Amino acid sequence: MGNTTSYFEPSTESAPTGAAPKSRSFHNEEEQFRYYIKEIESIITAECPHKLCYTTPENALQIVAKEGPTRCPDSPFYLPVEPINFKAVALPEKYNKPELVSKIRGLIIGQAVGDAVGLATEFLNKKQAFWKYNNTIDYANYLRDSHRSVWMDDNWVCSDWTDDTDNMLLLLDGVIFNNGDVIVEDYALRLRHWIEFGFSEFGDLGAMGVGKYFGKVVRTPGWVKDPVQVSKKMWEESNKSQASNGCIMKIGILGAVHFWEEERVKENSAVICRTTHYDERCVASCLVICTIIAESLKAEKSPDDILEYALLKGKEVLTLESNIEQFDTYTHANKLEELDLCNCIGFVYKTLGCAIWALRKYSACVKEGVEIGTIFEQIITEITMEAGDADTNSAVAGTVIGSFLGDQNIPEKWKKLRHIDALEHRIQSFLHIYNL
């Protein structure tokens, strides 16, 4: 969810409505932070901003029926999910089906869980994250501010994913509808509708958390008809500088689509990335993630060899020496601190670097004999506690390590997502394509 505005920045110079006057003094930063938490939570509890973001699914669908043709003429209604004429894809017999099911479930649920957990610290800094959570993330204890509260329910529980996973679902829905094919036109129609109305089936009244550049590209006239060319033009108008992480947050699922066909995975990853993010750094980053996931599902290489191979493939996309140097720097961080995640957030290489660090950490944990059921929670907690764009960083790391660990090794407490039933239904539909 990079390139958005921080909703929580405690400062004596800029106090929220209803907070203390500027003259109030504090003994230290932590005291100041805790004071503002108390003030902000009091305001949010009274205003209940989440009630302005949701309605019932029935009401949401009625709004779309009434306003879709005028508000979003390019895509007035959301396309179906289930295919009109189902046709299964022949899966090569050499793959272990039970293992594949676990890994595919792991990469999808891992993304959603990483996203929901990372939301806890998004836009905070590292010290604030520690003061609030002390390395323990519980959906019932999120900071109740104007940002997180819009994803909370009436009991102030924040077990929802954000726009990162919504965008993955747009791709997943299209793949299901098209019997395993990635169709750019389908994705463009779904994304354009979502950015206006969100997911009506969840009662959304609109998309939330959309990055500024991402939203600008998708709303540009003509984008639905030719998304790649419009995206290219927007990138050129930005002096070819835009390389935000709105591309990589959604891309992991494409690593599972015809995962045994390497060239197809590469093509799908590149074209979907370019619909919104044309920069070669974005294309390379998306390819790395999709290659890792495809190779994980094939289970023919070790995690270390998969990582080396994926980085090689990603690097082949890059043409500018400066982009290659940055790629090497961000993909070889020994510690998360080296990525400086809570400053200058939203850069695609930072999110990629997080996922690479997570895979290396996973590999090291396995070699050291760490209890397999603890690895996902440990890694996602570490990333979340770095704060910054934590939901996107944790979502992408979650989909990567989830594809290795399988869904059975994702904490049960974190899998209690608000829309888990809808997610499960889509997982079953995706698996059905491959007769799994």
Foldseek 3Di string as FASTA:
>chain_A
DPQDDQQDDQDLVDADPQADHSPDDDPDDLRSLVRNLVRQLVVCLVVLCLVVFFDALVVLVVCLVVCQCPVPVVASDQDFQAAPDADFDADPPPFDLVLLLQLLQQLLLLLFLLLQQLQLFALHALVSLCSQAVLHTAQQRGRSHPAQSNQADPSRGRLGGAVLSLLLVLQLSVCLHVLLDGDLLSSLSNVLNQQQQNDSNRRGRHHPDDRPQQVVLSPPPPLSVPLLVSQVVSCVVVVVPDAFASLQSNQLSLLVRPLVDLVSSLVSSQVSSSSRHNRLLSSLLSQLNSQLLSCLSVVPDDLVVSNVVSNVVSLVSDDDPVSNVLLVQLQPDQDLVSLLQQPPHGHNSSLSSLLNNLSVQLNVCVVVVPDLLCSLSVSSSRQSSNHHNSSSSSSSNSSNVSSNSGPVSDDPSSCPHPPNVVSVVSSVSVSVSNPD
